[in-house]
Amino acid sequence: MGVEKELLRSGTGPKPTAGQLVTVHCTGFGKNGNLSEKFWSTKDPGQKPFSFKIGQGAVIKGWDEGVLGMQVGEVARLRCSPDYAYGPSGFPAWGIQPNSVLVFEIEVLSAQ
């Protein structure tokens, strides 16, 4: 399946390009197989925006491909199939079961 994007708010800035450092706010859903249950958010107390080099395999494939198609300032919901998320391993520390579909609400804050 890959990654499906649902636009929540249009951005006004440029689209990131592979190799850039991208900073995002993100909330992930899919804890224990429930797509309405949050497993992590950069907006939780004590958390801060998350930065990664895009297009380098530093994050799950759904993020690498999904965020590349977004603009700075854009907010979108990315629905990632298991092969674009954590696959057969899951991510037990966050309650992500093996072969889980996950949803991420992402706001692109910057790309440099």
PDB file of N, CA and C in Angstrom:
ATOM      1  N   MET A   1       0.827  -1.193   0.000  1.00  0.00           N
ATOM      2  CA  MET A   1       0.000   0.000   0.000  1.00  0.00           C
ATOM      3  C   MET A   1       0.865   1.248   0.000  1.00  0.00           C
ATOM      4  N   GLY A   2       1.855   1.327   0.882  1.00  0.00           N
ATOM      5  CA  GLY A   2       2.712   2.507   0.925  1.00  0.00           C
ATOM      6  C   GLY A   2       2.197   3.548   1.893  1.00  0.00           C
ATOM      7  N   VAL A   3       2.193   4.787   1.425  1.00  0.00           N
ATOM      8  CA  VAL A   3       1.759   5.900   2.263  1.00  0.00           C
ATOM      9  C   VAL A   3       0.680   6.688   1.533  1.00  0.00           C
ATOM     10  N   GLU A   4      -0.403   6.994   2.254  1.00  0.00           N
ATOM     11  CA  GLU A   4      -1.490   7.814   1.714  1.00  0.00           C
ATOM     12  C   GLU A   4      -1.527   9.104   2.504  1.00  0.00           C
ATOM     13  N   LYS A   5      -1.637  10.228   1.793  1.00  0.00           N
ATOM     14  CA  LYS A   5      -1.623  11.541   2.437  1.00  0.00           C
ATOM     15  C   LYS A   5      -2.997  12.187   2.384  1.00  0.00           C
ATOM     16  N   GLU A   6      -3.437  12.705   3.534  1.00  0.00           N
ATOM     17  CA  GLU A   6      -4.659  13.502   3.620  1.00  0.00           C
ATOM     18  C   GLU A   6      -4.236  14.900   4.057  1.00  0.00           C
ATOM     19  N   LEU A   7      -4.447  15.885   3.201  1.00  0.00           N
ATOM     20  CA  LEU A   7      -4.066  17.262   3.489  1.00  0.00           C
ATOM     21  C   LEU A   7      -5.024  17.859   4.519  1.00  0.00           C
ATOM     22  N   LEU A   8      -4.464  18.397   5.595  1.00  0.00           N
ATOM     23  CA  LEU A   8      -5.272  19.050   6.627  1.00  0.00           C
ATOM     24  C   LEU A   8      -5.156  20.568   6.542  1.00  0.00           C
ATOM     25  N   ARG A   9      -3.954  21.068   6.176  1.00  0.00           N
ATOM     26  CA  ARG A   9      -3.729  22.500   5.990  1.00  0.00           C
ATOM     27  C   ARG A   9      -2.602  22.681   4.976  1.00  0.00           C
ATOM     28  N   SER A  10      -2.837  23.506   3.981  1.00  0.00           N
ATOM     29  CA  SER A  10      -1.811  23.771   2.967  1.00  0.00           C
ATOM     30  C   SER A  10      -0.636  24.517   3.582  1.00  0.00           C
ATOM     31  N   GLY A  11       0.530  24.268   3.017  1.00  0.00           N
ATOM     32  CA  GLY A  11       1.721  24.993   3.425  1.00  0.00           C
ATOM     33  C   GLY A  11       1.985  26.148   2.484  1.00  0.00           C
ATOM     34  N   THR A  12       2.911  27.006   2.860  1.00  0.00           N
ATOM     35  CA  THR A  12       3.255  28.158   2.028  1.00  0.00           C
ATOM     36  C   THR A  12       4.736  28.169   1.664  1.00  0.00           C
ATOM     37  N   GLY A  13       5.496  27.269   2.244  1.00  0.00           N
ATOM     38  CA  GLY A  13       6.933  27.244   2.012  1.00  0.00           C
ATOM     39  C   GLY A  13       7.327  26.204   0.983  1.00  0.00           C
ATOM     40  N   PRO A  14       8.633  26.047   0.789  1.00  0.00           N
ATOM     41  CA  PRO A  14       9.135  25.074  -0.189  1.00  0.00           C
ATOM     42  C   PRO A  14       8.953  23.638   0.278  1.00  0.00           C
ATOM     43  N   LYS A  15       9.014  22.714  -0.688  1.00  0.00           N
ATOM     44  CA  LYS A  15       9.034  21.286  -0.362  1.00  0.00           C
ATOM     45  C   LYS A  15      10.466  20.898  -0.022  1.00  0.00           C
ATOM     46  N   PRO A  16      10.639  20.059   0.999  1.00  0.00           N
ATOM     47  CA  PRO A  16      11.994  19.593   1.310  1.00  0.00           C
ATOM     48  C   PRO A  16      12.558  18.737   0.175  1.00  0.00           C
ATOM     49  N   THR A  17      13.873  18.712   0.095  1.00  0.00           N
ATOM     50  CA  THR A  17      14.548  17.847  -0.872  1.00  0.00           C
ATOM     51  C   THR A  17      15.423  16.861  -0.109  1.00  0.00           C
ATOM     52  N   ALA A  18      15.684  15.726  -0.731  1.00  0.00           N
ATOM     53  CA  ALA A  18      16.474  14.668  -0.090  1.00  0.00           C
ATOM     54  C   ALA A  18      17.797  15.225   0.418  1.00  0.00           C
ATOM     55  N   GLY A  19      18.130  14.852   1.653  1.00  0.00           N
ATOM     56  CA  GLY A  19      19.371  15.277   2.277  1.00  0.00           C
ATOM     57  C   GLY A  19      19.213  16.471   3.199  1.00  0.00           C
ATOM     58  N   GLN A  20      18.090  17.199   3.088  1.00  0.00           N
ATOM     59  CA  GLN A  20      17.883  18.342   3.964  1.00  0.00           C
ATOM     60  C   GLN A  20      17.510  17.892   5.373  1.00  0.00           C
ATOM     61  N   LEU A  21      17.791  18.753   6.351  1.00  0.00           N
ATOM     62  CA  LEU A  21      17.356  18.523   7.724  1.00  0.00           C
ATOM     63  C   LEU A  21      15.952  19.096   7.854  1.00  0.00           C
ATOM     64  N   VAL A  22      14.988  18.233   8.113  1.00  0.00           N
ATOM     65  CA  VAL A  22      13.588  18.619   8.223  1.00  0.00           C
ATOM     66  C   VAL A  22      13.178  18.533   9.698  1.00  0.00           C
ATOM     67  N   THR A  23      12.458  19.550  10.153  1.00  0.00           N
ATOM     68  CA  THR A  23      11.946  19.567  11.525  1.00  0.00           C
ATOM     69  C   THR A  23      10.428  19.550  11.456  1.00  0.00           C
ATOM     70  N   VAL A  24       9.826  18.652  12.243  1.00  0.00           N
ATOM     71  CA  VAL A  24       8.377  18.464  12.203  1.00  0.00           C
ATOM     72  C   VAL A  24       7.797  18.379  13.616  1.00  0.00           C
ATOM     73  N   HIS A  25       6.517  18.718  13.702  1.00  0.00           N
ATOM     74  CA  HIS A  25       5.701  18.294  14.839  1.00  0.00           C
ATOM     75  C   HIS A  25       4.994  17.048  14.358  1.00  0.00           C
ATOM     76  N   CYS A  26       4.857  16.060  15.213  1.00  0.00           N
ATOM     77  CA  CYS A  26       4.238  14.805  14.803  1.00  0.00           C
ATOM     78  C   CYS A  26       3.497  14.166  15.963  1.00  0.00           C
ATOM     79  N   THR A  27       2.348  13.589  15.628  1.00  0.00           N
ATOM     80  CA  THR A  27       1.623  12.746  16.557  1.00  0.00           C
ATOM     81  C   THR A  27       1.348  11.427  15.847  1.00  0.00           C
ATOM     82  N   GLY A  28       1.729  10.317  16.478  1.00  0.00           N
ATOM     83  CA  GLY A  28       1.552   8.993  15.893  1.00  0.00           C
ATOM     84  C   GLY A  28       0.402   8.250  16.545  1.00  0.00           C
ATOM     85  N   PHE A  29      -0.405   7.596  15.711  1.00  0.00           N
ATOM     86  CA  PHE A  29      -1.557   6.833  16.181  1.00  0.00           C
ATOM     87  C   PHE A  29      -1.452   5.387  15.696  1.00  0.00           C
ATOM     88  N   GLY A  30      -1.951   4.468  16.516  1.00  0.00           N
ATOM     89  CA  GLY A  30      -1.965   3.057  16.167  1.00  0.00           C
ATOM     90  C   GLY A  30      -1.490   2.166  17.298  1.00  0.00           C
ATOM     91  N   LYS A  31      -1.477   2.723  18.499  1.00  0.00           N
ATOM     92  CA  LYS A  31      -1.052   1.938  19.662  1.00  0.00           C
ATOM     93  C   LYS A  31      -1.985   0.748  19.846  1.00  0.00           C
ATOM     94  N   ASN A  32      -1.381  -0.419  20.035  1.00  0.00           N
ATOM     95  CA  ASN A  32      -2.127  -1.670  20.239  1.00  0.00           C
ATOM     96  C   ASN A  32      -3.145  -1.941  19.135  1.00  0.00           C
ATOM     97  N   GLY A  33      -2.804  -1.516  17.909  1.00  0.00           N
ATOM     98  CA  GLY A  33      -3.670  -1.766  16.758  1.00  0.00           C
ATOM     99  C   GLY A  33      -4.854  -0.831  16.642  1.00  0.00           C
ATOM    100  N   ASN A  34      -4.952   0.172  17.515  1.00  0.00           N
ATOM    101  CA  ASN A  34      -6.076   1.109  17.512  1.00  0.00           C
ATOM    102  C   ASN A  34      -5.635   2.434  16.885  1.00  0.00           C
ATOM    103  N   LEU A  35      -6.143   2.735  15.683  1.00  0.00           N
ATOM    104  CA  LEU A  35      -5.709   3.933  14.961  1.00  0.00           C
ATOM    105  C   LEU A  35      -6.191   5.236  15.582  1.00  0.00           C
ATOM    106  N   SER A  36      -6.996   5.174  16.619  1.00  0.00           N
ATOM    107  CA  SER A  36      -7.385   6.394  17.313  1.00  0.00           C
ATOM    108  C   SER A  36      -6.594   6.577  18.613  1.00  0.00           C
ATOM    109  N   GLU A  37      -5.723   5.612  18.919  1.00  0.00           N
ATOM    110  CA  GLU A  37      -4.938   5.693  20.151  1.00  0.00           C
ATOM    111  C   GLU A  37      -3.521   6.176  19.863  1.00  0.00           C
ATOM    112  N   LYS A  38      -3.154   7.296  20.488  1.00  0.00           N
ATOM    113  CA  LYS A  38      -1.836   7.907  20.301  1.00  0.00           C
ATOM    114  C   LYS A  38      -0.760   7.073  20.986  1.00  0.00           C
ATOM    115  N   PHE A  39       0.396   6.941  20.304  1.00  0.00           N
ATOM    116  CA  PHE A  39       1.537   6.289  20.945  1.00  0.00           C
ATOM    117  C   PHE A  39       2.686   7.247  21.204  1.00  0.00           C
ATOM    118  N   TRP A  40       2.661   8.440  20.573  1.00  0.00           N
ATOM    119  CA  TRP A  40       3.778   9.386  20.731  1.00  0.00           C
ATOM    120  C   TRP A  40       3.389  10.712  20.115  1.00  0.00           C
ATOM    121  N   SER A  41       3.855  11.806  20.695  1.00  0.00           N
ATOM    122  CA  SER A  41       3.642  13.119  20.102  1.00  0.00           C
ATOM    123  C   SER A  41       4.743  14.079  20.527  1.00  0.00           C
ATOM    124  N   THR A  42       5.203  14.869  19.576  1.00  0.00           N
ATOM    125  CA  THR A  42       6.178  15.914  19.891  1.00  0.00           C
ATOM    126  C   THR A  42       5.519  17.051  20.663  1.00  0.00           C
ATOM    127  N   LYS A  43       4.196  17.041  20.723  1.00  0.00           N
ATOM    128  CA  LYS A  43       3.469  18.091  21.440  1.00  0.00           C
ATOM    129  C   LYS A  43       3.171  17.704  22.887  1.00  0.00           C
ATOM    130  N   ASP A  44       3.544  16.500  23.291  1.00  0.00           N
ATOM    131  CA  ASP A  44       3.362  16.077  24.681  1.00  0.00           C
ATOM    132  C   ASP A  44       4.309  16.864  25.595  1.00  0.00           C
ATOM    133  N   PRO A  45       3.942  17.045  26.868  1.00  0.00           N
ATOM    134  CA  PRO A  45       4.831  17.740  27.806  1.00  0.00           C
ATOM    135  C   PRO A  45       6.221  17.110  27.824  1.00  0.00           C
ATOM    136  N   GLY A  46       7.230  17.962  27.776  1.00  0.00           N
ATOM    137  CA  GLY A  46       8.616  17.498  27.815  1.00  0.00           C
ATOM    138  C   GLY A  46       9.184  17.096  26.470  1.00  0.00           C
ATOM    139  N   GLN A  47       8.350  17.051  25.440  1.00  0.00           N
ATOM    140  CA  GLN A  47       8.812  16.694  24.097  1.00  0.00           C
ATOM    141  C   GLN A  47       9.123  17.969  23.305  1.00  0.00           C
ATOM    142  N   LYS A  48       9.822  17.821  22.191  1.00  0.00           N
ATOM    143  CA  LYS A  48      10.133  18.958  21.322  1.00  0.00           C
ATOM    144  C   LYS A  48      10.025  18.494  19.875  1.00  0.00           C
ATOM    145  N   PRO A  49       9.980  19.431  18.924  1.00  0.00           N
ATOM    146  CA  PRO A  49       9.910  19.025  17.516  1.00  0.00           C
ATOM    147  C   PRO A  49      11.032  18.044  17.169  1.00  0.00           C
ATOM    148  N   PHE A  50      10.749  17.194  16.186  1.00  0.00           N
ATOM    149  CA  PHE A  50      11.662  16.129  15.775  1.00  0.00           C
ATOM    150  C   PHE A  50      12.339  16.524  14.468  1.00  0.00           C
ATOM    151  N   SER A  51      13.655  16.368  14.394  1.00  0.00           N
ATOM    152  CA  SER A  51      14.425  16.692  13.187  1.00  0.00           C
ATOM    153  C   SER A  51      15.091  15.439  12.645  1.00  0.00           C
ATOM    154  N   PHE A  52      15.125  15.335  11.311  1.00  0.00           N
ATOM    155  CA  PHE A  52      15.784  14.202  10.651  1.00  0.00           C
ATOM    156  C   PHE A  52      16.203  14.601   9.250  1.00  0.00           C
ATOM    157  N   LYS A  53      17.213  13.889   8.735  1.00  0.00           N
ATOM    158  CA  LYS A  53      17.637  14.094   7.343  1.00  0.00           C
ATOM    159  C   LYS A  53      16.704  13.288   6.450  1.00  0.00           C
ATOM    160  N   ILE A  54      15.992  13.973   5.600  1.00  0.00           N
ATOM    161  CA  ILE A  54      14.972  13.334   4.790  1.00  0.00           C
ATOM    162  C   ILE A  54      15.576  12.617   3.578  1.00  0.00           C
ATOM    163  N   GLY A  55      14.948  11.504   3.226  1.00  0.00           N
ATOM    164  CA  GLY A  55      15.385  10.753   2.052  1.00  0.00           C
ATOM    165  C   GLY A  55      16.655   9.957   2.270  1.00  0.00           C
ATOM    166  N   GLN A  56      17.033   9.741   3.524  1.00  0.00           N
ATOM    167  CA  GLN A  56      18.289   9.057   3.845  1.00  0.00           C
ATOM    168  C   GLN A  56      18.060   7.735   4.570  1.00  0.00           C
ATOM    169  N   GLY A  57      16.801   7.346   4.774  1.00  0.00           N
ATOM    170  CA  GLY A  57      16.515   6.109   5.489  1.00  0.00           C
ATOM    171  C   GLY A  57      16.679   6.217   6.998  1.00  0.00           C
ATOM    172  N   ALA A  58      16.725   7.454   7.519  1.00  0.00           N
ATOM    173  CA  ALA A  58      16.887   7.666   8.958  1.00  0.00           C
ATOM    174  C   ALA A  58      15.577   7.469   9.720  1.00  0.00           C
ATOM    175  N   VAL A  59      14.469   7.477   8.996  1.00  0.00           N
ATOM    176  CA  VAL A  59      13.134   7.308   9.583  1.00  0.00           C
ATOM    177  C   VAL A  59      12.394   6.249   8.772  1.00  0.00           C
ATOM    178  N   ILE A  60      11.199   5.893   9.212  1.00  0.00           N
ATOM    179  CA  ILE A  60      10.428   4.904   8.461  1.00  0.00           C
ATOM    180  C   ILE A  60      10.138   5.412   7.050  1.00  0.00           C
ATOM    181  N   LYS A  61       9.942   4.485   6.133  1.00  0.00           N
ATOM    182  CA  LYS A  61       9.746   4.805   4.719  1.00  0.00           C
ATOM    183  C   LYS A  61       8.545   5.731   4.500  1.00  0.00           C
ATOM    184  N   GLY A  62       7.479   5.561   5.281  1.00  0.00           N
ATOM    185  CA  GLY A  62       6.303   6.409   5.162  1.00  0.00           C
ATOM    186  C   GLY A  62       6.616   7.872   5.410  1.00  0.00           C
ATOM    187  N   TRP A  63       7.513   8.132   6.346  1.00  0.00           N
ATOM    188  CA  TRP A  63       7.941   9.512   6.612  1.00  0.00           C
ATOM    189  C   TRP A  63       8.834  10.018   5.497  1.00  0.00           C
ATOM    190  N   ASP A  64       9.828   9.228   5.109  1.00  0.00           N
ATOM    191  CA  ASP A  64      10.747   9.658   4.054  1.00  0.00           C
ATOM    192  C   ASP A  64       9.980  10.053   2.792  1.00  0.00           C
ATOM    193  N   GLU A  65       9.053   9.215   2.359  1.00  0.00           N
ATOM    194  CA  GLU A  65       8.313   9.498   1.134  1.00  0.00           C
ATOM    195  C   GLU A  65       7.199  10.513   1.352  1.00  0.00           C
ATOM    196  N   GLY A  66       6.477  10.393   2.455  1.00  0.00           N
ATOM    197  CA  GLY A  66       5.343  11.281   2.705  1.00  0.00           C
ATOM    198  C   GLY A  66       5.743  12.719   2.939  1.00  0.00           C
ATOM    199  N   VAL A  67       6.778  12.947   3.753  1.00  0.00           N
ATOM    200  CA  VAL A  67       7.193  14.311   4.074  1.00  0.00           C
ATOM    201  C   VAL A  67       7.884  14.967   2.872  1.00  0.00           C
ATOM    202  N   LEU A  68       8.525  14.184   2.020  1.00  0.00           N
ATOM    203  CA  LEU A  68       9.133  14.753   0.809  1.00  0.00           C
ATOM    204  C   LEU A  68       8.096  15.452  -0.068  1.00  0.00           C
ATOM    205  N   GLY A  69       6.852  14.995  -0.011  1.00  0.00           N
ATOM    206  CA  GLY A  69       5.794  15.591  -0.821  1.00  0.00           C
ATOM    207  C   GLY A  69       5.061  16.726  -0.142  1.00  0.00           C
ATOM    208  N   MET A  70       5.518  17.147   1.038  1.00  0.00           N
ATOM    209  CA  MET A  70       4.844  18.210   1.791  1.00  0.00           C
ATOM    210  C   MET A  70       5.609  19.521   1.674  1.00  0.00           C
ATOM    211  N   GLN A  71       4.929  20.623   1.962  1.00  0.00           N
ATOM    212  CA  GLN A  71       5.554  21.943   1.986  1.00  0.00           C
ATOM    213  C   GLN A  71       5.777  22.379   3.430  1.00  0.00           C
ATOM    214  N   VAL A  72       6.738  23.277   3.636  1.00  0.00           N
ATOM    215  CA  VAL A  72       6.914  23.880   4.947  1.00  0.00           C
ATOM    216  C   VAL A  72       5.611  24.607   5.305  1.00  0.00           C
ATOM    217  N   GLY A  73       5.125  24.367   6.510  1.00  0.00           N
ATOM    218  CA  GLY A  73       3.873  24.948   6.977  1.00  0.00           C
ATOM    219  C   GLY A  73       2.670  24.044   6.773  1.00  0.00           C
ATOM    220  N   GLU A  74       2.841  23.004   5.980  1.00  0.00           N
ATOM    221  CA  GLU A  74       1.739  22.084   5.693  1.00  0.00           C
ATOM    222  C   GLU A  74       1.493  21.144   6.869  1.00  0.00           C
ATOM    223  N   VAL A  75       0.221  20.795   7.070  1.00  0.00           N
ATOM    224  CA  VAL A  75      -0.161  19.777   8.040  1.00  0.00           C
ATOM    225  C   VAL A  75      -0.913  18.692   7.273  1.00  0.00           C
ATOM    226  N   ALA A  76      -0.493  17.460   7.439  1.00  0.00           N
ATOM    227  CA  ALA A  76      -1.126  16.345   6.733  1.00  0.00           C
ATOM    228  C   ALA A  76      -1.168  15.126   7.636  1.00  0.00           C
ATOM    229  N   ARG A  77      -2.084  14.245   7.302  1.00  0.00           N
ATOM    230  CA  ARG A  77      -2.183  12.947   7.978  1.00  0.00           C
ATOM    231  C   ARG A  77      -1.634  11.911   7.010  1.00  0.00           C
ATOM    232  N   LEU A  78      -0.605  11.187   7.434  1.00  0.00           N
ATOM    233  CA  LEU A  78      -0.003  10.135   6.621  1.00  0.00           C
ATOM    234  C   LEU A  78      -0.420   8.777   7.170  1.00  0.00           C
ATOM    235  N   ARG A  79      -1.053   7.981   6.319  1.00  0.00           N
ATOM    236  CA  ARG A  79      -1.442   6.616   6.697  1.00  0.00           C
ATOM    237  C   ARG A  79      -0.429   5.676   6.057  1.00  0.00           C
ATOM    238  N   CYS A  80       0.300   4.949   6.897  1.00  0.00           N
ATOM    239  CA  CYS A  80       1.399   4.104   6.433  1.00  0.00           C
ATOM    240  C   CYS A  80       1.049   2.624   6.590  1.00  0.00           C
ATOM    241  N   SER A  81       1.206   1.872   5.507  1.00  0.00           N
ATOM    242  CA  SER A  81       1.035   0.429   5.587  1.00  0.00           C
ATOM    243  C   SER A  81       2.199  -0.145   6.398  1.00  0.00           C
ATOM    244  N   PRO A  82       2.069  -1.375   6.903  1.00  0.00           N
ATOM    245  CA  PRO A  82       3.126  -1.941   7.751  1.00  0.00           C
ATOM    246  C   PRO A  82       4.521  -1.896   7.116  1.00  0.00           C
ATOM    247  N   ASP A  83       4.611  -2.132   5.803  1.00  0.00           N
ATOM    248  CA  ASP A  83       5.927  -2.119   5.164  1.00  0.00           C
ATOM    249  C   ASP A  83       6.514  -0.713   5.051  1.00  0.00           C
ATOM    250  N   TYR A  84       5.699   0.321   5.272  1.00  0.00           N
ATOM    251  CA  TYR A  84       6.169   1.704   5.281  1.00  0.00           C
ATOM    252  C   TYR A  84       6.251   2.238   6.708  1.00  0.00           C
ATOM    253  N   ALA A  85       5.992   1.363   7.688  1.00  0.00           N
ATOM    254  CA  ALA A  85       6.063   1.732   9.100  1.00  0.00           C
ATOM    255  C   ALA A  85       7.131   0.857   9.773  1.00  0.00           C
ATOM    256  N   TYR A  86       6.748   0.066  10.777  1.00  0.00           N
ATOM    257  CA  TYR A  86       7.728  -0.740  11.512  1.00  0.00           C
ATOM    258  C   TYR A  86       7.714  -2.219  11.151  1.00  0.00           C
ATOM    259  N   GLY A  87       6.885  -2.590  10.154  1.00  0.00           N
ATOM    260  CA  GLY A  87       6.898  -3.932   9.601  1.00  0.00           C
ATOM    261  C   GLY A  87       6.654  -5.046  10.612  1.00  0.00           C
ATOM    262  N   PRO A  88       7.256  -6.225  10.352  1.00  0.00           N
ATOM    263  CA  PRO A  88       7.013  -7.398  11.189  1.00  0.00           C
ATOM    264  C   PRO A  88       7.603  -7.283  12.594  1.00  0.00           C
ATOM    265  N   SER A  89       8.511  -6.341  12.814  1.00  0.00           N
ATOM    266  CA  SER A  89       9.102  -6.166  14.145  1.00  0.00           C
ATOM    267  C   SER A  89       8.209  -5.355  15.071  1.00  0.00           C
ATOM    268  N   GLY A  90       7.414  -4.444  14.488  1.00  0.00           N
ATOM    269  CA  GLY A  90       6.659  -3.520  15.318  1.00  0.00           C
ATOM    270  C   GLY A  90       7.612  -2.620  16.076  1.00  0.00           C
ATOM    271  N   PHE A  91       7.115  -1.999  17.122  1.00  0.00           N
ATOM    272  CA  PHE A  91       7.932  -1.166  18.004  1.00  0.00           C
ATOM    273  C   PHE A  91       7.336  -1.327  19.401  1.00  0.00           C
ATOM    274  N   PRO A  92       7.654  -2.469  20.067  1.00  0.00           N
ATOM    275  CA  PRO A  92       7.013  -2.822  21.335  1.00  0.00           C
ATOM    276  C   PRO A  92       7.078  -1.731  22.411  1.00  0.00           C
ATOM    277  N   ALA A  93       8.164  -0.971  22.464  1.00  0.00           N
ATOM    278  CA  ALA A  93       8.299   0.056  23.498  1.00  0.00           C
ATOM    279  C   ALA A  93       7.193   1.102  23.413  1.00  0.00           C
ATOM    280  N   TRP A  94       6.635   1.300  22.217  1.00  0.00           N
ATOM    281  CA  TRP A  94       5.567   2.283  22.025  1.00  0.00           C
ATOM    282  C   TRP A  94       4.203   1.618  21.863  1.00  0.00           C
ATOM    283  N   GLY A  95       4.127   0.307  22.054  1.00  0.00           N
ATOM    284  CA  GLY A  95       2.852  -0.392  21.919  1.00  0.00           C
ATOM    285  C   GLY A  95       2.447  -0.613  20.472  1.00  0.00           C
ATOM    286  N   ILE A  96       3.435  -0.579  19.547  1.00  0.00           N
ATOM    287  CA  ILE A  96       3.138  -0.812  18.137  1.00  0.00           C
ATOM    288  C   ILE A  96       3.344  -2.296  17.851  1.00  0.00           C
ATOM    289  N   GLN A  97       2.250  -2.973  17.540  1.00  0.00           N
ATOM    290  CA  GLN A  97       2.293  -4.407  17.290  1.00  0.00           C
ATOM    291  C   GLN A  97       2.907  -4.701  15.922  1.00  0.00           C
ATOM    292  N   PRO A  98       3.431  -5.922  15.717  1.00  0.00           N
ATOM    293  CA  PRO A  98       3.950  -6.300  14.402  1.00  0.00           C
ATOM    294  C   PRO A  98       2.908  -6.104  13.307  1.00  0.00           C
ATOM    295  N   ASN A  99       3.391  -5.679  12.141  1.00  0.00           N
ATOM    296  CA  ASN A  99       2.557  -5.512  10.938  1.00  0.00           C
ATOM    297  C   ASN A  99       1.372  -4.578  11.148  1.00  0.00           C
ATOM    298  N   SER A 100       1.606  -3.478  11.863  1.00  0.00           N
ATOM    299  CA  SER A 100       0.553  -2.502  12.134  1.00  0.00           C
ATOM    300  C   SER A 100       0.516  -1.392  11.091  1.00  0.00           C
ATOM    301  N   VAL A 101      -0.700  -1.032  10.687  1.00  0.00           N
ATOM    302  CA  VAL A 101      -0.926   0.209   9.943  1.00  0.00           C
ATOM    303  C   VAL A 101      -0.840   1.336  10.963  1.00  0.00           C
ATOM    304  N   LEU A 102      -0.164   2.425  10.608  1.00  0.00           N
ATOM    305  CA  LEU A 102      -0.027   3.561  11.513  1.00  0.00           C
ATOM    306  C   LEU A 102      -0.477   4.841  10.822  1.00  0.00           C
ATOM    307  N   VAL A 103      -0.918   5.813  11.608  1.00  0.00           N
ATOM    308  CA  VAL A 103      -1.297   7.127  11.102  1.00  0.00           C
ATOM    309  C   VAL A 103      -0.468   8.165  11.849  1.00  0.00           C
ATOM    310  N   PHE A 104       0.109   9.096  11.089  1.00  0.00           N
ATOM    311  CA  PHE A 104       0.891  10.176  11.663  1.00  0.00           C
ATOM    312  C   PHE A 104       0.314  11.498  11.205  1.00  0.00           C
ATOM    313  N   GLU A 105       0.063  12.395  12.152  1.00  0.00           N
ATOM    314  CA  GLU A 105      -0.306  13.767  11.803  1.00  0.00           C
ATOM    315  C   GLU A 105       0.968  14.592  11.908  1.00  0.00           C
ATOM    316  N   ILE A 106       1.393  15.147  10.779  1.00  0.00           N
ATOM    317  CA  ILE A 106       2.685  15.803  10.694  1.00  0.00           C
ATOM    318  C   ILE A 106       2.517  17.245  10.226  1.00  0.00           C
ATOM    319  N   GLU A 107       3.233  18.147  10.900  1.00  0.00           N
ATOM    320  CA  GLU A 107       3.347  19.547  10.475  1.00  0.00           C
ATOM    321  C   GLU A 107       4.812  19.790  10.164  1.00  0.00           C
ATOM    322  N   VAL A 108       5.114  20.220   8.941  1.00  0.00           N
ATOM    323  CA  VAL A 108       6.490  20.529   8.562  1.00  0.00           C
ATOM    324  C   VAL A 108       6.808  21.946   9.036  1.00  0.00           C
ATOM    325  N   LEU A 109       7.764  22.054   9.959  1.00  0.00           N
ATOM    326  CA  LEU A 109       8.127  23.338  10.535  1.00  0.00           C
ATOM    327  C   LEU A 109       9.248  24.028   9.756  1.00  0.00           C
ATOM    328  N   SER A 110      10.217  23.245   9.291  1.00  0.00           N
ATOM    329  CA  SER A 110      11.337  23.828   8.531  1.00  0.00           C
ATOM    330  C   SER A 110      12.041  22.753   7.726  1.00  0.00           C
ATOM    331  N   ALA A 111      12.793  23.212   6.720  1.00  0.00           N
ATOM    332  CA  ALA A 111      13.642  22.334   5.901  1.00  0.00           C
ATOM    333  C   ALA A 111      14.864  23.151   5.523  1.00  0.00           C
ATOM    334  N   GLN A 112      16.059  22.637   5.880  1.00  0.00           N
ATOM    335  CA  GLN A 112      17.286  23.368   5.583  1.00  0.00           C
ATOM    336  C   GLN A 112      18.413  22.460   5.167  1.00  0.00           C
TER     337      GLN A 112
END
